[in-house]
């Protein structure tokens, strides 16, 4: 899959929530906590990309399996982003039990 297709925002809030099996308000909460920043249409509707869905799966994993709070998740995501260029496999090394599901 090309990077363009992976990053193209096409899923509405309700569709993304259904794919992730969470309530739409959960995704709105993650946005409020600055864990994710979905694209917006001209009318303000949230749109999520496949990359966003992958990130949201990882966020759910950190919260549910690793028991991090949203502040911990935010700090960890920032660190992983900064360190990604020096070690692209860092996430896999430290979170080997994370399994990204094929949602669509």
N, C-alpha and C. Protein backbone atom coordinates (compact mmCIF):
# COMPACT_ATOMS: atom_id res chain seq x y z
N UNK A 1 0.85 -1.18 0.00
CA UNK A 1 0.00 0.00 0.00
C UNK A 1 0.89 1.23 0.00
N UNK A 2 0.59 2.15 -0.89
CA UNK A 2 1.41 3.36 -0.97
C UNK A 2 1.15 4.24 0.25
N UNK A 3 2.13 5.06 0.54
CA UNK A 3 2.02 5.96 1.70
C UNK A 3 0.85 6.92 1.53
N UNK A 4 0.59 7.33 0.27
CA UNK A 4 -0.51 8.25 0.01
C UNK A 4 -1.86 7.64 0.42
N UNK A 5 -2.08 6.39 0.07
CA UNK A 5 -3.33 5.73 0.46
C UNK A 5 -3.41 5.53 1.96
N UNK A 6 -2.27 5.29 2.58
CA UNK A 6 -2.24 5.06 4.03
C UNK A 6 -2.54 6.34 4.81
N UNK A 7 -2.17 7.48 4.26
CA UNK A 7 -2.35 8.73 4.99
C UNK A 7 -3.56 9.54 4.52
N UNK A 8 -4.26 9.06 3.52
CA UNK A 8 -5.43 9.79 3.01
C UNK A 8 -6.59 9.65 4.01
N UNK A 9 -7.09 10.77 4.54
CA UNK A 9 -8.20 10.70 5.51
C UNK A 9 -9.53 10.41 4.80
N UNK A 10 -10.09 9.24 5.06
CA UNK A 10 -11.32 8.84 4.38
C UNK A 10 -12.40 8.31 5.31
N UNK A 11 -12.05 7.96 6.54
CA UNK A 11 -13.01 7.34 7.45
C UNK A 11 -13.62 8.38 8.39
N UNK A 12 -14.94 8.43 8.43
CA UNK A 12 -15.61 9.35 9.34
C UNK A 12 -15.44 8.86 10.77
N UNK A 13 -15.79 9.70 11.71
CA UNK A 13 -15.69 9.36 13.13
C UNK A 13 -16.47 8.07 13.43
N UNK A 14 -17.69 7.98 12.95
CA UNK A 14 -18.50 6.81 13.27
C UNK A 14 -17.94 5.54 12.64
N UNK A 15 -17.43 5.63 11.43
CA UNK A 15 -16.84 4.46 10.77
C UNK A 15 -15.56 4.04 11.49
N UNK A 16 -14.70 4.99 11.82
CA UNK A 16 -13.46 4.69 12.54
C UNK A 16 -13.78 4.03 13.88
N UNK A 17 -14.75 4.57 14.60
CA UNK A 17 -15.14 4.00 15.89
C UNK A 17 -15.66 2.58 15.72
N UNK A 18 -16.45 2.35 14.70
CA UNK A 18 -16.99 1.01 14.46
C UNK A 18 -15.86 0.02 14.12
N UNK A 19 -14.93 0.43 13.28
CA UNK A 19 -13.81 -0.43 12.93
C UNK A 19 -12.96 -0.78 14.15
N UNK A 20 -12.78 0.18 15.03
CA UNK A 20 -11.96 -0.01 16.23
C UNK A 20 -12.74 -0.62 17.39
N UNK A 21 -14.05 -0.73 17.22
CA UNK A 21 -14.94 -1.27 18.26
C UNK A 21 -14.88 -0.44 19.54
N UNK A 22 -14.95 0.89 19.35
CA UNK A 22 -15.01 1.82 20.47
C UNK A 22 -16.15 2.80 20.24
N UNK A 23 -16.53 3.50 21.26
CA UNK A 23 -17.56 4.54 21.14
C UNK A 23 -16.93 5.76 20.46
N UNK A 24 -17.67 6.45 19.61
CA UNK A 24 -17.12 7.66 18.97
C UNK A 24 -16.58 8.69 19.97
N UNK A 25 -17.21 8.76 21.13
CA UNK A 25 -16.73 9.72 22.15
C UNK A 25 -15.31 9.37 22.62
N UNK A 26 -14.95 8.09 22.56
CA UNK A 26 -13.59 7.69 22.93
C UNK A 26 -12.58 8.34 21.99
N UNK A 27 -12.87 8.33 20.70
CA UNK A 27 -11.97 8.96 19.74
C UNK A 27 -11.93 10.47 19.92
N UNK A 28 -13.07 11.05 20.26
CA UNK A 28 -13.12 12.49 20.54
C UNK A 28 -12.29 12.82 21.78
N UNK A 29 -12.33 11.93 22.78
CA UNK A 29 -11.53 12.12 23.99
C UNK A 29 -10.04 12.05 23.67
N UNK A 30 -9.64 11.08 22.85
CA UNK A 30 -8.23 10.98 22.46
C UNK A 30 -7.77 12.23 21.73
N UNK A 31 -8.65 12.78 20.92
CA UNK A 31 -8.32 14.03 20.23
C UNK A 31 -8.16 15.17 21.24
N UNK A 32 -9.07 15.25 22.19
CA UNK A 32 -9.01 16.29 23.21
C UNK A 32 -7.73 16.19 24.04
N UNK A 33 -7.27 14.95 24.26
CA UNK A 33 -6.05 14.71 25.02
C UNK A 33 -4.79 14.82 24.17
N UNK A 34 -4.94 15.23 22.90
CA UNK A 34 -3.83 15.45 21.97
C UNK A 34 -3.06 14.16 21.66
N UNK A 35 -3.77 13.04 21.64
CA UNK A 35 -3.15 11.78 21.26
C UNK A 35 -3.24 11.56 19.77
N UNK A 36 -4.22 12.18 19.14
CA UNK A 36 -4.42 12.05 17.70
C UNK A 36 -5.01 13.35 17.17
N UNK A 37 -4.72 13.64 15.92
CA UNK A 37 -5.26 14.84 15.31
C UNK A 37 -5.85 14.48 13.94
N UNK A 38 -7.13 14.14 13.92
CA UNK A 38 -7.74 13.77 12.64
C UNK A 38 -7.86 14.98 11.72
N UNK A 39 -7.94 14.69 10.43
CA UNK A 39 -8.17 15.75 9.45
C UNK A 39 -9.61 16.24 9.63
N UNK A 40 -9.90 17.39 9.08
CA UNK A 40 -11.25 17.94 9.15
C UNK A 40 -11.72 18.32 7.75
N UNK A 41 -13.02 18.10 7.51
CA UNK A 41 -13.61 18.56 6.26
C UNK A 41 -13.85 20.06 6.36
N UNK A 42 -14.29 20.68 5.28
CA UNK A 42 -14.60 22.10 5.31
C UNK A 42 -15.71 22.42 6.30
N UNK A 43 -16.57 21.42 6.57
CA UNK A 43 -17.67 21.63 7.52
C UNK A 43 -17.30 21.19 8.93
N UNK A 44 -16.04 20.76 9.15
CA UNK A 44 -15.58 20.44 10.49
C UNK A 44 -15.71 18.98 10.89
N UNK A 45 -16.17 18.11 9.99
CA UNK A 45 -16.28 16.69 10.33
C UNK A 45 -14.89 16.05 10.38
N UNK A 46 -14.71 15.17 11.34
CA UNK A 46 -13.43 14.47 11.49
C UNK A 46 -13.30 13.38 10.44
N UNK A 47 -12.08 13.25 9.90
CA UNK A 47 -11.77 12.17 8.98
C UNK A 47 -10.47 11.51 9.41
N UNK A 48 -10.47 10.19 9.42
CA UNK A 48 -9.32 9.42 9.86
C UNK A 48 -8.73 8.64 8.68
N UNK A 49 -7.42 8.50 8.68
CA UNK A 49 -6.72 7.72 7.66
C UNK A 49 -6.43 6.32 8.20
N UNK A 50 -5.91 5.47 7.33
CA UNK A 50 -5.47 4.14 7.78
C UNK A 50 -4.34 4.28 8.79
N UNK A 51 -3.46 5.24 8.58
CA UNK A 51 -2.37 5.49 9.54
C UNK A 51 -2.94 5.90 10.89
N UNK A 52 -3.99 6.73 10.89
CA UNK A 52 -4.65 7.11 12.14
C UNK A 52 -5.23 5.89 12.84
N UNK A 53 -5.84 4.99 12.07
CA UNK A 53 -6.43 3.78 12.66
C UNK A 53 -5.34 2.91 13.29
N UNK A 54 -4.19 2.83 12.64
CA UNK A 54 -3.06 2.07 13.20
C UNK A 54 -2.60 2.70 14.51
N UNK A 55 -2.47 4.01 14.50
CA UNK A 55 -2.06 4.72 15.72
C UNK A 55 -3.09 4.51 16.83
N UNK A 56 -4.35 4.58 16.49
CA UNK A 56 -5.41 4.39 17.49
C UNK A 56 -5.38 2.97 18.07
N UNK A 57 -5.06 1.99 17.26
CA UNK A 57 -4.92 0.63 17.79
C UNK A 57 -3.79 0.57 18.80
N UNK A 58 -2.68 1.24 18.49
CA UNK A 58 -1.54 1.26 19.41
C UNK A 58 -1.89 2.01 20.70
N UNK A 59 -2.61 3.09 20.59
CA UNK A 59 -3.05 3.85 21.76
C UNK A 59 -3.92 2.97 22.65
N UNK A 60 -4.87 2.26 22.05
CA UNK A 60 -5.75 1.35 22.82
C UNK A 60 -4.92 0.27 23.52
N UNK A 61 -3.93 -0.26 22.83
CA UNK A 61 -3.04 -1.27 23.40
C UNK A 61 -2.31 -0.70 24.62
N UNK A 62 -1.76 0.50 24.48
CA UNK A 62 -1.02 1.11 25.60
C UNK A 62 -1.92 1.35 26.80
N UNK A 63 -3.14 1.76 26.55
CA UNK A 63 -4.06 2.05 27.65
C UNK A 63 -4.60 0.76 28.27
N UNK A 64 -5.03 -0.18 27.44
CA UNK A 64 -5.68 -1.38 27.96
C UNK A 64 -4.70 -2.45 28.43
N UNK A 65 -3.65 -2.69 27.67
CA UNK A 65 -2.72 -3.78 28.00
C UNK A 65 -1.55 -3.32 28.88
N UNK A 66 -1.03 -2.14 28.61
CA UNK A 66 0.12 -1.64 29.37
C UNK A 66 -0.30 -0.72 30.51
N UNK A 67 -1.60 -0.41 30.58
CA UNK A 67 -2.19 0.36 31.68
C UNK A 67 -1.61 1.77 31.82
N UNK A 68 -1.24 2.40 30.70
CA UNK A 68 -0.78 3.78 30.73
C UNK A 68 -1.98 4.72 30.75
N UNK A 69 -1.81 5.85 31.41
CA UNK A 69 -2.85 6.88 31.32
C UNK A 69 -2.57 7.73 30.09
N UNK A 70 -3.46 8.66 29.79
CA UNK A 70 -3.31 9.43 28.54
C UNK A 70 -2.04 10.28 28.54
N UNK A 71 -1.64 10.79 29.70
CA UNK A 71 -0.39 11.57 29.76
C UNK A 71 0.80 10.69 29.44
N UNK A 72 0.82 9.46 29.95
CA UNK A 72 1.89 8.52 29.65
C UNK A 72 1.91 8.14 28.19
N UNK A 73 0.73 7.92 27.61
CA UNK A 73 0.64 7.59 26.19
C UNK A 73 1.18 8.74 25.35
N UNK A 74 0.77 9.96 25.68
CA UNK A 74 1.22 11.13 24.92
C UNK A 74 2.75 11.25 24.97
N UNK A 75 3.34 11.09 26.16
CA UNK A 75 4.78 11.21 26.30
C UNK A 75 5.49 10.09 25.52
N UNK A 76 4.97 8.87 25.61
CA UNK A 76 5.58 7.75 24.90
C UNK A 76 5.50 7.94 23.38
N UNK A 77 4.36 8.41 22.89
CA UNK A 77 4.21 8.65 21.45
C UNK A 77 5.19 9.73 20.98
N UNK A 78 5.37 10.77 21.78
CA UNK A 78 6.33 11.83 21.43
C UNK A 78 7.75 11.28 21.37
N UNK A 79 8.11 10.45 22.35
CA UNK A 79 9.45 9.86 22.37
C UNK A 79 9.67 8.93 21.17
N UNK A 80 8.68 8.09 20.88
CA UNK A 80 8.80 7.18 19.74
C UNK A 80 8.95 7.95 18.43
N UNK A 81 8.22 9.05 18.30
CA UNK A 81 8.31 9.87 17.09
C UNK A 81 9.71 10.47 16.96
N UNK A 82 10.25 10.99 18.05
CA UNK A 82 11.58 11.61 18.01
C UNK A 82 12.68 10.59 17.76
N UNK A 83 12.52 9.38 18.27
CA UNK A 83 13.56 8.37 18.15
C UNK A 83 13.42 7.49 16.91
N UNK A 84 12.31 7.66 16.18
CA UNK A 84 12.04 6.80 15.03
C UNK A 84 13.13 6.87 13.96
N UNK A 85 13.67 8.07 13.73
CA UNK A 85 14.68 8.21 12.68
C UNK A 85 15.97 7.46 13.04
N UNK A 86 16.33 7.41 14.31
CA UNK A 86 17.56 6.72 14.71
C UNK A 86 17.34 5.22 14.89
N UNK A 87 16.11 4.80 15.19
CA UNK A 87 15.83 3.37 15.36
C UNK A 87 14.39 3.10 14.93
N UNK A 88 14.18 2.81 13.65
CA UNK A 88 12.81 2.61 13.14
C UNK A 88 12.08 1.40 13.74
N UNK A 89 12.82 0.46 14.34
CA UNK A 89 12.19 -0.74 14.91
C UNK A 89 11.97 -0.64 16.41
N UNK A 90 12.13 0.54 16.96
CA UNK A 90 12.01 0.74 18.40
C UNK A 90 10.67 0.26 18.95
N UNK A 91 9.59 0.60 18.27
CA UNK A 91 8.25 0.20 18.71
C UNK A 91 8.14 -1.32 18.76
N UNK A 92 8.62 -1.99 17.74
CA UNK A 92 8.56 -3.46 17.70
C UNK A 92 9.43 -4.08 18.78
N UNK A 93 10.58 -3.48 19.06
CA UNK A 93 11.49 -4.01 20.07
C UNK A 93 10.87 -3.97 21.47
N UNK A 94 10.26 -2.85 21.82
CA UNK A 94 9.76 -2.67 23.17
C UNK A 94 8.31 -3.11 23.37
N UNK A 95 7.58 -3.24 22.28
CA UNK A 95 6.18 -3.64 22.37
C UNK A 95 5.93 -4.82 21.43
N UNK A 96 6.71 -5.86 21.62
CA UNK A 96 6.65 -7.04 20.75
C UNK A 96 5.29 -7.72 20.81
N UNK A 97 4.58 -7.58 21.91
CA UNK A 97 3.28 -8.24 22.04
C UNK A 97 2.14 -7.45 21.40
N UNK A 98 2.43 -6.26 20.84
CA UNK A 98 1.40 -5.48 20.15
C UNK A 98 1.16 -6.08 18.78
N UNK A 99 -0.10 -6.42 18.52
CA UNK A 99 -0.48 -6.98 17.22
C UNK A 99 -1.50 -6.04 16.57
N UNK A 100 -1.07 -5.42 15.49
CA UNK A 100 -1.99 -4.56 14.75
C UNK A 100 -2.93 -5.42 13.94
N UNK A 101 -4.22 -5.19 14.09
CA UNK A 101 -5.22 -5.98 13.37
C UNK A 101 -5.53 -5.33 12.03
N UNK A 102 -5.83 -6.17 11.05
CA UNK A 102 -6.28 -5.68 9.75
C UNK A 102 -7.76 -5.31 9.90
N UNK A 103 -8.06 -4.03 9.90
CA UNK A 103 -9.43 -3.57 10.16
C UNK A 103 -10.30 -3.58 8.92
N UNK A 104 -9.69 -3.33 7.78
CA UNK A 104 -10.47 -3.29 6.53
C UNK A 104 -9.76 -4.05 5.44
